[in-house]
All heavy atoms as atom14 arrays in JSON, in Angstrom:
{
  "sequence": "YEYDIMLTVFDEGLSGVPSETLQKQLKEAFA",
  "atom14_mask": [
    [1, 1, 1, 1, 1, 1, 1, 1, 1, 1, 1, 1, 0, 0],
    [1, 1, 1, 1, 1, 1, 1, 1, 1, 0, 0, 0, 0, 0],
    [1, 1, 1, 1, 1, 1, 1, 1, 1, 1, 1, 1, 0, 0],
    [1, 1, 1, 1, 1, 1, 1, 1, 0, 0, 0, 0, 0, 0],
    [1, 1, 1, 1, 1, 1, 1, 1, 0, 0, 0, 0, 0, 0],
    [1, 1, 1, 1, 1, 1, 1, 1, 0, 0, 0, 0, 0, 0],
    [1, 1, 1, 1, 1, 1, 1, 1, 0, 0, 0, 0, 0, 0],
    [1, 1, 1, 1, 1, 1, 1, 0, 0, 0, 0, 0, 0, 0],
    [1, 1, 1, 1, 1, 1, 1, 0, 0, 0, 0, 0, 0, 0],
    [1, 1, 1, 1, 1, 1, 1, 1, 1, 1, 1, 0, 0, 0],
    [1, 1, 1, 1, 1, 1, 1, 1, 0, 0, 0, 0, 0, 0],
    [1, 1, 1, 1, 1, 1, 1, 1, 1, 0, 0, 0, 0, 0],
    [1, 1, 1, 1, 0, 0, 0, 0, 0, 0, 0, 0, 0, 0],
    [1, 1, 1, 1, 1, 1, 1, 1, 0, 0, 0, 0, 0, 0],
    [1, 1, 1, 1, 1, 1, 0, 0, 0, 0, 0, 0, 0, 0],
    [1, 1, 1, 1, 0, 0, 0, 0, 0, 0, 0, 0, 0, 0],
    [1, 1, 1, 1, 1, 1, 1, 0, 0, 0, 0, 0, 0, 0],
    [1, 1, 1, 1, 1, 1, 1, 0, 0, 0, 0, 0, 0, 0],
    [1, 1, 1, 1, 1, 1, 0, 0, 0, 0, 0, 0, 0, 0],
    [1, 1, 1, 1, 1, 1, 1, 1, 1, 0, 0, 0, 0, 0],
    [1, 1, 1, 1, 1, 1, 1, 0, 0, 0, 0, 0, 0, 0],
    [1, 1, 1, 1, 1, 1, 1, 1, 0, 0, 0, 0, 0, 0],
    [1, 1, 1, 1, 1, 1, 1, 1, 1, 0, 0, 0, 0, 0],
    [1, 1, 1, 1, 1, 1, 1, 1, 1, 0, 0, 0, 0, 0],
    [1, 1, 1, 1, 1, 1, 1, 1, 1, 0, 0, 0, 0, 0],
    [1, 1, 1, 1, 1, 1, 1, 1, 0, 0, 0, 0, 0, 0],
    [1, 1, 1, 1, 1, 1, 1, 1, 1, 0, 0, 0, 0, 0],
    [1, 1, 1, 1, 1, 1, 1, 1, 1, 0, 0, 0, 0, 0],
    [1, 1, 1, 1, 1, 0, 0, 0, 0, 0, 0, 0, 0, 0],
    [1, 1, 1, 1, 1, 1, 1, 1, 1, 1, 1, 0, 0, 0],
    [1, 1, 1, 1, 1, 0, 0, 0, 0, 0, 0, 0, 0, 0]
  ],
  "atom14_positions": [
    [[-7.31, -4.64, -4.69], [-7.31, -5.59, -3.65], [-8.05, -5.1, -2.44], [-7.83, -3.95, -2.02], [-5.86, -6.03, -3.36], [-5.76, -7.35, -2.62], [-6.12, -8.53, -3.29], [-5.29, -7.47, -1.35], [-6.0, -9.7, -2.66], [-5.19, -8.61, -0.78], [-5.57, -9.77, -1.43], [-5.44, -11.07, -0.7], [0.0, 0.0, 0.0], [0.0, 0.0, 0.0]],
    [[-8.82, -5.92, -1.75], [-9.66, -5.44, -0.65], [-9.12, -5.59, 0.7], [-9.86, -5.38, 1.71], [-10.99, -6.14, -0.79], [-10.88, -7.61, -0.75], [-12.04, -8.39, -1.62], [-12.44, -7.68, -2.59], [-12.31, -9.5, -1.24], [0.0, 0.0, 0.0], [0.0, 0.0, 0.0], [0.0, 0.0, 0.0], [0.0, 0.0, 0.0], [0.0, 0.0, 0.0]],
    [[-7.9, -6.09, 0.82], [-7.23, -6.33, 2.24], [-5.93, -5.56, 2.32], [-5.2, -5.33, 1.35], [-7.03, -7.79, 2.36], [-8.24, -8.65, 2.35], [-8.51, -9.38, 1.26], [-9.06, -8.71, 3.41], [-9.59, -10.25, 1.2], [-10.21, -9.49, 3.41], [-10.45, -10.25, 2.27], [-11.64, -11.01, 2.25], [0.0, 0.0, 0.0], [0.0, 0.0, 0.0]],
    [[-5.72, -5.16, 3.55], [-4.39, -4.66, 3.93], [-3.54, -5.95, 4.28], [-4.1, -6.86, 4.83], [-4.39, -3.75, 5.17], [-4.99, -2.48, 4.83], [-5.0, -2.0, 3.69], [-5.58, -1.74, 5.77], [0.0, 0.0, 0.0], [0.0, 0.0, 0.0], [0.0, 0.0, 0.0], [0.0, 0.0, 0.0], [0.0, 0.0, 0.0], [0.0, 0.0, 0.0]],
    [[-2.35, -5.93, 3.94], [-1.49, -7.2, 4.01], [-0.19, -6.88, 4.78], [0.44, -5.85, 4.74], [-1.01, -7.6, 2.65], [-2.22, -7.81, 1.74], [-0.18, -8.83, 2.66], [-1.84, -7.78, 0.28], [0.0, 0.0, 0.0], [0.0, 0.0, 0.0], [0.0, 0.0, 0.0], [0.0, 0.0, 0.0], [0.0, 0.0, 0.0], [0.0, 0.0, 0.0]],
    [[0.25, -7.84, 5.67], [1.52, -7.75, 6.3], [2.17, -9.19, 6.2], [1.55, -10.15, 6.7], [1.33, -7.35, 7.79], [2.69, -7.12, 8.4], [2.69, -6.32, 10.0], [2.07, -7.58, 11.04], [0.0, 0.0, 0.0], [0.0, 0.0, 0.0], [0.0, 0.0, 0.0], [0.0, 0.0, 0.0], [0.0, 0.0, 0.0], [0.0, 0.0, 0.0]],
    [[3.33, -9.21, 5.64], [4.14, -10.53, 5.53], [5.2, -10.42, 6.58], [6.03, -9.52, 6.56], [4.63, -10.62, 4.17], [3.69, -11.13, 3.09], [4.2, -10.8, 1.72], [3.43, -12.59, 3.26], [0.0, 0.0, 0.0], [0.0, 0.0, 0.0], [0.0, 0.0, 0.0], [0.0, 0.0, 0.0], [0.0, 0.0, 0.0], [0.0, 0.0, 0.0]],
    [[5.3, -11.44, 7.47], [6.39, -11.54, 8.42], [7.19, -12.75, 8.0], [6.66, -13.9, 7.97], [5.86, -11.76, 9.8], [4.95, -10.66, 10.1], [6.92, -11.75, 10.86], [0.0, 0.0, 0.0], [0.0, 0.0, 0.0], [0.0, 0.0, 0.0], [0.0, 0.0, 0.0], [0.0, 0.0, 0.0], [0.0, 0.0, 0.0], [0.0, 0.0, 0.0]],
    [[8.52, -12.53, 7.73], [9.36, -13.59, 7.22], [10.07, -14.26, 8.34], [10.57, -13.65, 9.29], [10.41, -13.02, 6.23], [11.31, -14.14, 5.73], [9.66, -12.43, 4.99], [0.0, 0.0, 0.0], [0.0, 0.0, 0.0], [0.0, 0.0, 0.0], [0.0, 0.0, 0.0], [0.0, 0.0, 0.0], [0.0, 0.0, 0.0], [0.0, 0.0, 0.0]],
    [[10.18, -15.61, 8.37], [10.79, -16.43, 9.36], [11.96, -17.17, 8.84], [12.84, -17.63, 9.67], [9.81, -17.46, 9.98], [8.57, -16.9, 10.48], [7.32, -17.41, 10.04], [8.63, -16.0, 11.47], [6.16, -16.86, 10.54], [7.44, -15.44, 12.01], [6.2, -15.87, 11.53], [0.0, 0.0, 0.0], [0.0, 0.0, 0.0], [0.0, 0.0, 0.0]],
    [[12.19, -17.3, 7.53], [13.22, -18.12, 6.96], [14.18, -17.28, 6.15], [13.79, -16.67, 5.1], [12.64, -19.16, 6.12], [13.61, -20.17, 5.61], [14.82, -20.12, 6.04], [13.26, -21.08, 4.83], [0.0, 0.0, 0.0], [0.0, 0.0, 0.0], [0.0, 0.0, 0.0], [0.0, 0.0, 0.0], [0.0, 0.0, 0.0], [0.0, 0.0, 0.0]],
    [[15.41, -17.25, 6.53], [16.46, -16.57, 5.8], [16.64, -17.11, 4.42], [17.14, -16.39, 3.45], [17.83, -16.6, 6.6], [18.91, -15.93, 6.01], [20.23, -15.98, 6.79], [20.22, -16.74, 7.8], [21.15, -15.35, 6.36], [0.0, 0.0, 0.0], [0.0, 0.0, 0.0], [0.0, 0.0, 0.0], [0.0, 0.0, 0.0], [0.0, 0.0, 0.0]],
    [[16.31, -18.33, 4.21], [16.44, -18.99, 2.86], [15.68, -18.38, 1.76], [15.87, -18.63, 0.6], [0.0, 0.0, 0.0], [0.0, 0.0, 0.0], [0.0, 0.0, 0.0], [0.0, 0.0, 0.0], [0.0, 0.0, 0.0], [0.0, 0.0, 0.0], [0.0, 0.0, 0.0], [0.0, 0.0, 0.0], [0.0, 0.0, 0.0], [0.0, 0.0, 0.0]],
    [[14.63, -17.55, 2.02], [13.86, -16.87, 1.05], [14.7, -16.04, 0.2], [14.32, -15.61, -0.93], [12.71, -16.1, 1.66], [11.57, -16.88, 2.13], [10.4, -15.93, 2.64], [10.94, -17.75, 1.04], [0.0, 0.0, 0.0], [0.0, 0.0, 0.0], [0.0, 0.0, 0.0], [0.0, 0.0, 0.0], [0.0, 0.0, 0.0], [0.0, 0.0, 0.0]],
    [[15.9, -15.58, 0.64], [16.72, -14.65, -0.13], [17.27, -15.47, -1.36], [17.64, -14.88, -2.34], [17.88, -14.12, 0.7], [18.75, -15.1, 1.11], [0.0, 0.0, 0.0], [0.0, 0.0, 0.0], [0.0, 0.0, 0.0], [0.0, 0.0, 0.0], [0.0, 0.0, 0.0], [0.0, 0.0, 0.0], [0.0, 0.0, 0.0], [0.0, 0.0, 0.0]],
    [[17.46, -16.78, -1.17], [18.09, -17.51, -2.31], [17.18, -18.53, -2.98], [17.68, -19.35, -3.85], [0.0, 0.0, 0.0], [0.0, 0.0, 0.0], [0.0, 0.0, 0.0], [0.0, 0.0, 0.0], [0.0, 0.0, 0.0], [0.0, 0.0, 0.0], [0.0, 0.0, 0.0], [0.0, 0.0, 0.0], [0.0, 0.0, 0.0], [0.0, 0.0, 0.0]],
    [[15.93, -18.62, -2.61], [14.94, -19.57, -3.13], [14.8, -19.16, -4.61], [14.67, -17.97, -4.9], [13.65, -19.51, -2.38], [12.59, -20.22, -3.1], [13.83, -20.12, -1.06], [0.0, 0.0, 0.0], [0.0, 0.0, 0.0], [0.0, 0.0, 0.0], [0.0, 0.0, 0.0], [0.0, 0.0, 0.0], [0.0, 0.0, 0.0], [0.0, 0.0, 0.0]],
    [[14.67, -20.15, -5.51], [14.33, -19.8, -6.98], [13.11, -19.08, -7.04], [12.13, -19.21, -6.25], [14.24, -21.17, -7.58], [15.04, -22.11, -6.71], [14.93, -21.55, -5.36], [0.0, 0.0, 0.0], [0.0, 0.0, 0.0], [0.0, 0.0, 0.0], [0.0, 0.0, 0.0], [0.0, 0.0, 0.0], [0.0, 0.0, 0.0], [0.0, 0.0, 0.0]],
    [[12.98, -18.17, -8.0], [11.84, -17.28, -8.19], [10.58, -18.08, -8.3], [9.45, -17.68, -7.75], [12.1, -16.31, -9.3], [11.02, -15.57, -9.63], [0.0, 0.0, 0.0], [0.0, 0.0, 0.0], [0.0, 0.0, 0.0], [0.0, 0.0, 0.0], [0.0, 0.0, 0.0], [0.0, 0.0, 0.0], [0.0, 0.0, 0.0], [0.0, 0.0, 0.0]],
    [[10.57, -19.09, -9.09], [9.39, -19.9, -9.34], [8.88, -20.53, -7.96], [7.58, -20.51, -7.76], [9.65, -21.09, -10.32], [10.05, -20.62, -11.63], [11.54, -20.19, -11.75], [12.28, -20.73, -11.03], [11.8, -19.39, -12.67], [0.0, 0.0, 0.0], [0.0, 0.0, 0.0], [0.0, 0.0, 0.0], [0.0, 0.0, 0.0], [0.0, 0.0, 0.0]],
    [[9.71, -20.93, -7.17], [9.29, -21.55, -5.87], [8.64, -20.43, -4.99], [7.65, -20.67, -4.4], [10.53, -22.21, -5.09], [11.12, -23.12, -6.11], [10.08, -22.89, -3.9], [0.0, 0.0, 0.0], [0.0, 0.0, 0.0], [0.0, 0.0, 0.0], [0.0, 0.0, 0.0], [0.0, 0.0, 0.0], [0.0, 0.0, 0.0], [0.0, 0.0, 0.0]],
    [[9.29, -19.33, -4.84], [8.78, -18.24, -4.08], [7.38, -17.82, -4.65], [6.46, -17.63, -3.86], [9.79, -17.02, -4.09], [9.35, -15.83, -3.26], [9.22, -16.17, -1.82], [10.43, -14.69, -3.46], [0.0, 0.0, 0.0], [0.0, 0.0, 0.0], [0.0, 0.0, 0.0], [0.0, 0.0, 0.0], [0.0, 0.0, 0.0], [0.0, 0.0, 0.0]],
    [[7.31, -17.65, -5.9], [5.96, -17.28, -6.51], [4.9, -18.19, -6.13], [3.72, -17.94, -5.78], [6.08, -17.09, -7.97], [6.87, -15.93, -8.43], [7.04, -15.77, -9.93], [6.38, -16.49, -10.65], [7.82, -14.91, -10.34], [0.0, 0.0, 0.0], [0.0, 0.0, 0.0], [0.0, 0.0, 0.0], [0.0, 0.0, 0.0], [0.0, 0.0, 0.0]],
    [[5.24, -19.54, -6.27], [4.31, -20.55, -5.84], [3.8, -20.52, -4.44], [2.63, -20.63, -4.13], [4.85, -21.95, -6.28], [3.94, -23.07, -5.92], [4.67, -24.5, -6.24], [3.75, -25.53, -5.86], [4.41, -26.91, -5.85], [0.0, 0.0, 0.0], [0.0, 0.0, 0.0], [0.0, 0.0, 0.0], [0.0, 0.0, 0.0], [0.0, 0.0, 0.0]],
    [[4.82, -20.32, -3.51], [4.49, -20.23, -2.14], [3.56, -19.0, -1.77], [2.57, -19.13, -1.11], [5.7, -20.13, -1.31], [6.55, -21.37, -1.31], [7.94, -21.09, -0.57], [8.32, -19.95, -0.34], [8.59, -22.12, -0.29], [0.0, 0.0, 0.0], [0.0, 0.0, 0.0], [0.0, 0.0, 0.0], [0.0, 0.0, 0.0], [0.0, 0.0, 0.0]],
    [[3.87, -17.84, -2.49], [2.98, -16.66, -2.24], [1.69, -16.81, -2.9], [0.65, -16.44, -2.2], [3.76, -15.44, -2.81], [4.9, -15.09, -2.03], [5.75, -14.07, -2.84], [4.55, -14.47, -0.65], [0.0, 0.0, 0.0], [0.0, 0.0, 0.0], [0.0, 0.0, 0.0], [0.0, 0.0, 0.0], [0.0, 0.0, 0.0], [0.0, 0.0, 0.0]],
    [[1.52, -17.42, -4.07], [0.21, -17.68, -4.67], [-0.63, -18.53, -3.77], [-1.89, -18.26, -3.62], [0.41, -18.3, -6.03], [0.78, -17.28, -7.02], [0.8, -17.89, -8.41], [1.3, -16.9, -9.52], [1.45, -17.52, -10.81], [0.0, 0.0, 0.0], [0.0, 0.0, 0.0], [0.0, 0.0, 0.0], [0.0, 0.0, 0.0], [0.0, 0.0, 0.0]],
    [[-0.07, -19.59, -3.26], [-0.84, -20.51, -2.38], [-1.29, -19.8, -1.13], [-2.46, -19.95, -0.72], [0.01, -21.76, -2.03], [0.28, -22.7, -3.21], [1.28, -23.77, -2.89], [1.82, -23.81, -1.64], [1.54, -24.61, -3.68], [0.0, 0.0, 0.0], [0.0, 0.0, 0.0], [0.0, 0.0, 0.0], [0.0, 0.0, 0.0], [0.0, 0.0, 0.0]],
    [[-0.53, -19.02, -0.47], [-0.92, -18.3, 0.69], [-1.96, -17.25, 0.33], [-2.96, -17.16, 1.08], [0.29, -17.56, 1.22], [0.0, 0.0, 0.0], [0.0, 0.0, 0.0], [0.0, 0.0, 0.0], [0.0, 0.0, 0.0], [0.0, 0.0, 0.0], [0.0, 0.0, 0.0], [0.0, 0.0, 0.0], [0.0, 0.0, 0.0], [0.0, 0.0, 0.0]],
    [[-1.86, -16.51, -0.74], [-2.85, -15.54, -1.1], [-4.13, -16.16, -1.48], [-5.25, -15.63, -1.39], [-2.37, -14.6, -2.16], [-1.57, -13.37, -1.62], [-0.2, -13.58, -1.24], [-2.17, -12.2, -1.45], [0.47, -12.47, -0.7], [-1.5, -11.06, -0.94], [-0.23, -11.28, -0.57], [0.0, 0.0, 0.0], [0.0, 0.0, 0.0], [0.0, 0.0, 0.0]],
    [[-4.08, -17.36, -2.01], [-5.34, -18.13, -2.43], [-6.08, -18.52, -1.16], [-7.36, -18.67, -1.25], [-4.89, -19.41, -3.24], [0.0, 0.0, 0.0], [0.0, 0.0, 0.0], [0.0, 0.0, 0.0], [0.0, 0.0, 0.0], [0.0, 0.0, 0.0], [0.0, 0.0, 0.0], [0.0, 0.0, 0.0], [0.0, 0.0, 0.0], [0.0, 0.0, 0.0]]
  ]
}
């Protein structure tokens, strides 16, 4: 991968979000 990355989390709800939803959100952001 050609970039350095920093993720800053704003929502406590990410701890309980279903795995599929979290993966979808991350894929969309990285796209």
